[in-house]
Protein backbone atom coordinates (compact mmCIF):
# COMPACT_ATOMS: atom_id res chain seq x y z
CA MET A 1 152.57 74.43 55.80
CA ASN A 2 155.81 76.37 56.42
CA ARG A 3 159.04 74.73 57.56
CA ASP A 4 158.61 75.45 61.27
CA THR A 5 155.05 74.18 61.29
CA ARG A 6 156.02 71.05 59.38
CA LEU A 7 158.85 70.24 61.78
CA LYS A 8 156.60 70.87 64.77
CA ALA A 9 154.06 68.43 63.33
CA LEU A 10 156.84 65.88 62.77
CA SER A 11 157.99 66.26 66.36
CA ALA A 12 154.48 65.72 67.72
CA PHE A 13 153.89 62.70 65.49
CA LEU A 14 157.11 60.92 66.49
CA THR A 15 156.46 61.61 70.17
CA GLU A 16 152.91 60.26 69.93
CA GLN A 17 153.97 57.11 68.07
CA ARG A 18 156.80 56.40 70.49
CA ALA A 19 154.42 56.64 73.43
CA LYS A 20 152.18 53.94 71.97
CA ILE A 21 154.81 51.18 72.03
CA GLN A 22 155.53 49.20 75.18
CA PRO A 23 159.18 48.05 75.56
CA GLU A 24 158.30 44.39 76.03
CA THR A 25 156.45 44.29 72.70
CA VAL A 26 159.68 45.05 70.82
CA GLY A 27 161.96 42.82 72.89
CA LEU A 28 163.25 45.45 75.29
CA PRO A 29 163.23 45.19 79.09
CA SER A 30 160.37 47.03 80.74
CA GLY A 31 162.08 47.54 84.09
CA GLY A 32 163.06 50.88 85.52
CA ARG A 33 161.05 54.00 86.19
CA ARG A 34 159.71 55.78 83.13
CA ARG A 35 158.59 59.38 83.26
CA THR A 36 156.47 58.97 80.13
CA PRO A 37 154.62 56.00 78.60
CA GLY A 38 156.10 53.97 75.78
CA LEU A 39 159.66 53.85 74.50
CA ARG A 40 162.47 56.22 75.32
CA ARG A 41 164.13 58.14 72.51
CA GLU A 42 167.34 56.15 72.86
CA GLU A 43 165.36 52.93 72.55
CA VAL A 44 163.80 54.05 69.28
CA ALA A 45 167.27 55.00 68.06
CA GLN A 46 168.55 51.57 69.06
CA LEU A 47 165.76 49.78 67.22
CA ALA A 48 166.24 51.94 64.13
CA GLY A 49 170.01 51.60 64.11
CA VAL A 50 170.72 55.33 64.30
CA SER A 51 172.51 57.45 66.87
CA SER A 52 170.54 58.58 69.88
CA THR A 53 171.61 62.18 69.33
CA TRP A 54 170.45 62.18 65.71
CA TYR A 55 167.06 60.72 66.56
CA THR A 56 166.64 63.19 69.42
CA TRP A 57 167.27 66.06 67.03
CA LEU A 58 164.76 64.60 64.59
CA GLU A 59 162.08 64.27 67.24
CA GLN A 60 162.82 67.74 68.56
CA GLY A 61 161.96 69.08 65.12
CA ARG A 62 165.42 70.32 64.22
CA ASP A 63 166.05 71.02 60.55
CA ILE A 64 168.45 68.15 59.79
CA ASN A 65 169.13 66.06 56.71
CA VAL A 66 167.24 62.77 56.48
CA SER A 67 167.29 59.97 53.96
CA SER A 68 164.52 57.63 52.88
CA SER A 69 166.49 54.58 54.06
CA VAL A 70 166.86 55.98 57.58
CA LEU A 71 163.20 56.97 57.69
CA ASP A 72 162.32 53.42 56.69
CA CYS A 73 164.24 52.16 59.70
CA ILE A 74 162.47 54.60 62.01
CA ALA A 75 159.09 53.66 60.55
CA SER A 76 159.83 50.00 61.19
CA ALA A 77 161.02 50.71 64.73
CA LEU A 78 157.81 52.60 65.48
CA ARG A 79 155.72 49.92 63.74
CA LEU A 80 154.00 52.44 61.51
CA THR A 81 151.19 51.48 59.19
CA PRO A 82 151.58 52.20 55.45
CA ASP A 83 149.53 55.40 55.83
CA GLU A 84 151.55 56.49 58.87
CA ARG A 85 154.77 55.78 56.98
CA LYS A 86 153.66 58.07 54.13
CA TYR A 87 152.79 60.73 56.69
CA LEU A 88 156.25 60.46 58.26
CA PHE A 89 157.98 60.80 54.89
CA ALA A 90 155.84 63.78 53.92
CA LEU A 91 156.67 65.68 57.10
CA ALA A 92 160.34 64.70 57.35
CA MET A 93 161.26 65.19 53.71
CA GLU A 94 158.71 67.87 52.80
CA THR A 95 157.44 65.73 49.95
CA PRO A 96 155.48 68.09 47.69
CA ALA A 97 151.97 67.11 46.71
CA SER A 98 151.51 66.28 43.06
CA SER A 99 149.30 69.33 42.69
CA ILE A 100 148.02 72.07 44.97
CA LEU A 101 144.62 73.47 44.21
CA THR A 102 144.08 77.13 44.94
CA GLN A 103 140.97 78.34 46.67
CA GLN A 104 139.65 79.50 43.32
CA GLU A 105 140.06 76.03 41.81
CA GLU A 106 137.21 74.38 43.65
CA PRO A 107 136.92 70.70 42.69
CA LYS A 108 133.85 69.69 40.77
CA ILE A 109 132.46 66.23 40.31
CA SER A 110 131.73 64.99 36.82
CA PRO A 111 128.17 64.20 35.68
CA SER A 112 129.15 60.53 35.33
CA LEU A 113 130.38 60.38 38.94
CA GLN A 114 127.24 62.11 40.21
CA LYS A 115 125.10 59.61 38.27
CA MET A 116 126.99 56.73 39.85
CA VAL A 117 126.47 58.21 43.31
CA ASP A 118 122.76 58.78 42.63
CA GLU A 119 122.37 55.16 41.54
CA LEU A 120 123.41 54.01 45.01
CA HIS A 121 119.79 54.53 46.07
CA TYR A 122 120.00 52.98 49.52
CA CYS A 123 123.68 53.54 50.26
CA PRO A 124 124.26 57.04 51.68
CA THR A 125 127.23 58.40 49.73
CA ILE A 126 129.30 61.56 50.13
CA ILE A 127 131.96 62.99 47.83
CA SER A 128 134.57 65.14 49.58
CA ASP A 129 137.84 66.82 48.62
CA ARG A 130 141.25 66.89 50.29
CA HIS A 131 139.98 69.51 52.75
CA CYS A 132 137.08 67.20 53.69
CA GLN A 133 134.82 69.71 51.99
CA ILE A 134 131.61 68.03 50.84
CA VAL A 135 131.16 68.59 47.11
CA GLY A 136 128.56 65.92 46.29
CA TRP A 137 126.08 63.51 47.87
CA ASN A 138 122.98 61.49 47.10
CA ARG A 139 119.41 61.52 48.45
CA ALA A 140 120.12 58.72 50.89
CA ALA A 141 122.91 60.77 52.50
CA SER A 142 120.58 63.74 52.95
CA HIS A 143 118.05 61.52 54.71
CA VAL A 144 120.50 59.81 57.05
CA PHE A 145 122.89 62.68 57.82
CA LEU A 146 121.86 66.24 57.00
CA ALA A 147 120.07 68.08 54.24
CA PHE A 148 123.40 69.22 52.81
CA GLU A 149 121.66 71.26 50.12
CA ARG A 150 120.37 73.58 52.88
CA ILE A 151 123.88 74.28 54.17
CA PRO A 152 125.87 77.09 52.48
CA PRO A 153 128.66 75.56 50.32
CA LYS A 154 131.50 77.11 52.33
CA GLN A 155 130.13 75.55 55.52
CA ARG A 156 129.91 72.02 54.09
CA ASN A 157 133.11 70.81 55.68
CA MET A 158 132.69 67.37 57.22
CA ILE A 159 135.11 67.98 60.10
CA ARG A 160 133.46 71.27 60.99
CA LEU A 161 129.96 69.81 60.75
CA LEU A 162 130.89 66.92 63.06
CA PHE A 163 131.83 69.36 65.79
CA THR A 164 129.21 72.06 65.22
CA ARG A 165 126.00 70.27 64.30
CA LYS A 166 124.02 68.65 67.11
CA GLU A 167 122.42 66.31 64.57
CA PHE A 168 125.73 64.43 64.20
CA ARG A 169 126.24 64.12 67.93
CA ARG A 170 122.76 62.66 68.30
CA LEU A 171 123.11 60.42 65.26
CA ALA A 172 126.34 58.56 66.02
CA VAL A 173 126.03 56.13 68.92
CA ASN A 174 129.77 56.46 69.54
CA TRP A 175 130.34 60.02 68.34
CA GLU A 176 133.99 60.09 69.36
CA HIS A 177 134.77 56.91 67.41
CA PHE A 178 132.90 58.32 64.42
CA VAL A 179 134.89 61.56 64.59
CA MET A 180 138.23 59.81 64.97
CA GLY A 181 137.69 57.99 61.68
CA PHE A 182 137.31 61.27 59.83
CA LEU A 183 140.21 62.86 61.67
CA SER A 184 142.46 59.97 60.62
CA ILE A 185 141.55 60.68 56.99
CA PHE A 186 142.09 64.41 57.52
CA ARG A 187 145.51 63.75 59.06
CA SER A 188 146.56 61.70 56.03
CA TYR A 189 145.75 64.70 53.82
CA TYR A 190 147.50 67.01 56.26
CA GLY A 191 150.73 65.08 55.83
CA GLN A 192 150.35 64.67 52.08
CA TYR A 193 149.83 68.35 51.31
CA VAL A 194 152.59 69.85 53.41
CA GLU A 195 152.73 72.97 51.21
CA ASP A 196 149.09 73.93 51.75
CA ALA A 197 148.77 76.58 54.48
CA TRP A 198 144.99 76.05 54.57
CA TYR A 199 145.35 73.14 56.99
CA GLU A 200 147.07 75.13 59.73
CA GLN A 201 144.50 77.89 59.42
CA PHE A 202 141.67 75.37 59.64
CA LEU A 203 143.18 73.61 62.68
CA GLN A 204 143.49 76.93 64.48
CA GLU A 205 139.88 77.77 63.66
CA MET A 206 138.64 74.38 64.87
CA GLU A 207 140.54 74.76 68.12
CA GLN A 208 138.45 77.89 68.75
CA VAL A 209 135.20 76.30 67.57
CA ASP A 210 135.15 73.37 70.00
CA PRO A 211 137.43 72.59 72.99
CA GLU A 212 137.02 68.86 72.27
CA PHE A 213 138.68 69.18 68.88
CA LEU A 214 142.33 69.58 69.92
CA PRO A 215 142.55 66.52 72.25
CA LEU A 216 140.92 64.32 69.62
CA TRP A 217 143.15 65.70 66.88
CA LYS A 218 146.28 65.04 68.93
CA HIS A 219 145.27 61.41 69.47
CA SER A 220 144.04 60.75 65.96
CA GLN A 221 145.73 58.13 63.83
CA VAL A 222 146.66 58.29 60.15
CA SER A 223 144.53 56.30 57.72
CA SER A 224 143.64 57.11 54.14
CA ALA A 225 140.69 54.70 54.05
CA PRO A 226 139.44 53.31 57.37
CA GLU A 227 136.80 50.60 56.98
CA VAL A 228 134.55 50.49 60.01
CA VAL A 229 131.07 49.47 61.08
CA ILE A 230 129.11 52.47 62.28
CA GLU A 231 125.97 52.44 64.41
CA PHE A 232 123.54 55.32 64.14
CA ARG A 233 120.45 56.18 66.18
CA HIS A 234 118.30 57.93 63.63
CA ALA A 235 115.65 60.30 64.96
CA LYS A 236 112.91 58.61 62.90
CA MET A 237 114.22 55.12 62.16
CA GLY A 238 116.10 54.21 65.32
CA LYS A 239 119.08 51.84 65.12
CA MET A 240 120.85 51.75 61.75
CA LEU A 241 124.10 49.90 60.99
CA PHE A 242 126.42 50.81 58.11
CA ASP A 243 129.74 49.59 56.75
CA LEU A 244 131.87 52.56 55.68
CA THR A 245 134.05 52.13 52.61
CA SER A 246 136.22 54.99 51.31
CA LEU A 247 137.18 55.03 47.65
CA GLN A 248 139.69 57.33 46.00
CA VAL A 249 138.44 58.96 42.79
CA GLN A 250 141.22 59.03 40.23
CA GLY A 251 142.01 62.45 38.82
CA GLY A 252 143.67 65.73 39.67
CA ALA A 253 141.01 66.91 42.12
CA ASP A 254 141.84 64.23 44.74
CA LEU A 255 138.25 63.40 45.57
CA ARG A 256 137.07 60.75 48.02
CA CYS A 257 133.86 58.74 47.73
CA SER A 258 132.57 57.57 51.13
CA VAL A 259 129.90 54.88 50.80
CA TYR A 260 127.80 53.80 53.77
CA THR A 261 126.45 50.35 52.92
CA PRO A 262 123.61 48.97 55.07
CA ALA A 263 125.10 46.18 57.18
CA ALA A 264 124.22 42.67 56.01
CA GLY A 265 121.66 40.94 58.18
CA SER A 266 120.35 44.20 59.64
CA SER A 267 117.07 45.99 58.98
CA THR A 268 118.90 49.17 57.97
CA GLU A 269 118.13 49.05 54.25
CA ALA A 270 114.44 48.39 54.87
CA LYS A 271 114.31 51.32 57.29
CA LEU A 272 116.05 53.59 54.82
CA LYS A 273 113.60 52.64 52.08
CA ARG A 274 110.66 53.49 54.37
CA LEU A 275 112.27 56.77 55.38
CA MET A 276 112.86 57.88 51.80
CA LYS A 277 109.39 56.77 50.66
CA THR A 278 107.70 58.61 53.51
CA SER A 279 109.65 61.75 52.69
CA ALA A 280 108.75 61.48 48.99
CA ASP A 281 105.07 60.99 49.84
CA GLU A 282 105.11 64.05 52.10
CA MET A 283 106.68 66.15 49.35
CA ASN A 284 104.05 64.96 46.86
CA VAL A 285 101.29 65.92 49.28
CA ARG A 286 102.76 69.39 49.79
CA GLY A 287 103.27 69.77 46.07
CA GLY A 288 99.74 68.67 45.29
C-alpha cells in the first residue's frame, strides 16, 4: 500500500467511525442541524484533546506527523475496539508488518497442523493465510461448504468465493452477515500489512467482480477473530448451526484456523455425520 493509498484508507476509516457515534452517547448536546450522521470533526477533536485543525488534516488524509499518545486519545474518543485501534495505528503510522511474504513464498501448512485439522472430524475447519487464501481444510469443510479440492488453488480465496459462488449465497441464511464477518477479518489484515500492494489490487478486482462488494467493504468493521453463531441451510441436510472460532497459528506464515463447531443442543453434528457417511458409502459403491 503506497502512501497516498494508506492515507486515503485512514481518511475513510476515521470518517466512518465518527459517523457511528451519536453526540449524546459521549456527553455532547445533540441539538442543532447536522448535515451528516454522528459526531462533527471538531467534536472528535474536543474529545481527544487535540486542535480541530490538526484533526481535520488527519481525517483529510494529509501527510502530517502523529504520535502514539495522540492516536490513543483519538482511539478513545472514537471508542475503537482493540482491533480497530491496531488498524488506526497501522494506517496512521505506517507500521510495517513483521514480515511480508512474496507471491512466490506461498504459505504451507505443516503435516502436524493438517493432522490436527483432520482430527476435527465433525467440525468443518479451514486454514487461510493473510490474503484469506484457503491453504488447507478437512473433509467436513468440503461437505458443508465446497469441494475445495476441485477449485484451482489460485481461485481458493474465501472473499472471492463468497461473492462468486452461488453455493455460498444459498448456504448462509444471512449471507450478508456471513460475508461481513470475513470482511472484518480481511480489513484487519489490510491495516496490518500496509506495505503489501496486493490488497489494493484485490479490492479493485473485487469491485469489478460484484457490485455488492464495495458497499459491504465500506461498512465492514475491523476484527481479527469474530466469534459468531452461523446458521446454514444445507442443500441436503437443511438447517445447521455452527459456532465460528478463529485461531491464530503461531509462525511466520500468519495462518488462521477457522473452526465451525456444531452448536450445542442442535442436531447439526448428527446431520453432518449422516452426510459424511452417505458420501463415503456412495464413493465405496462407485469404487466397487
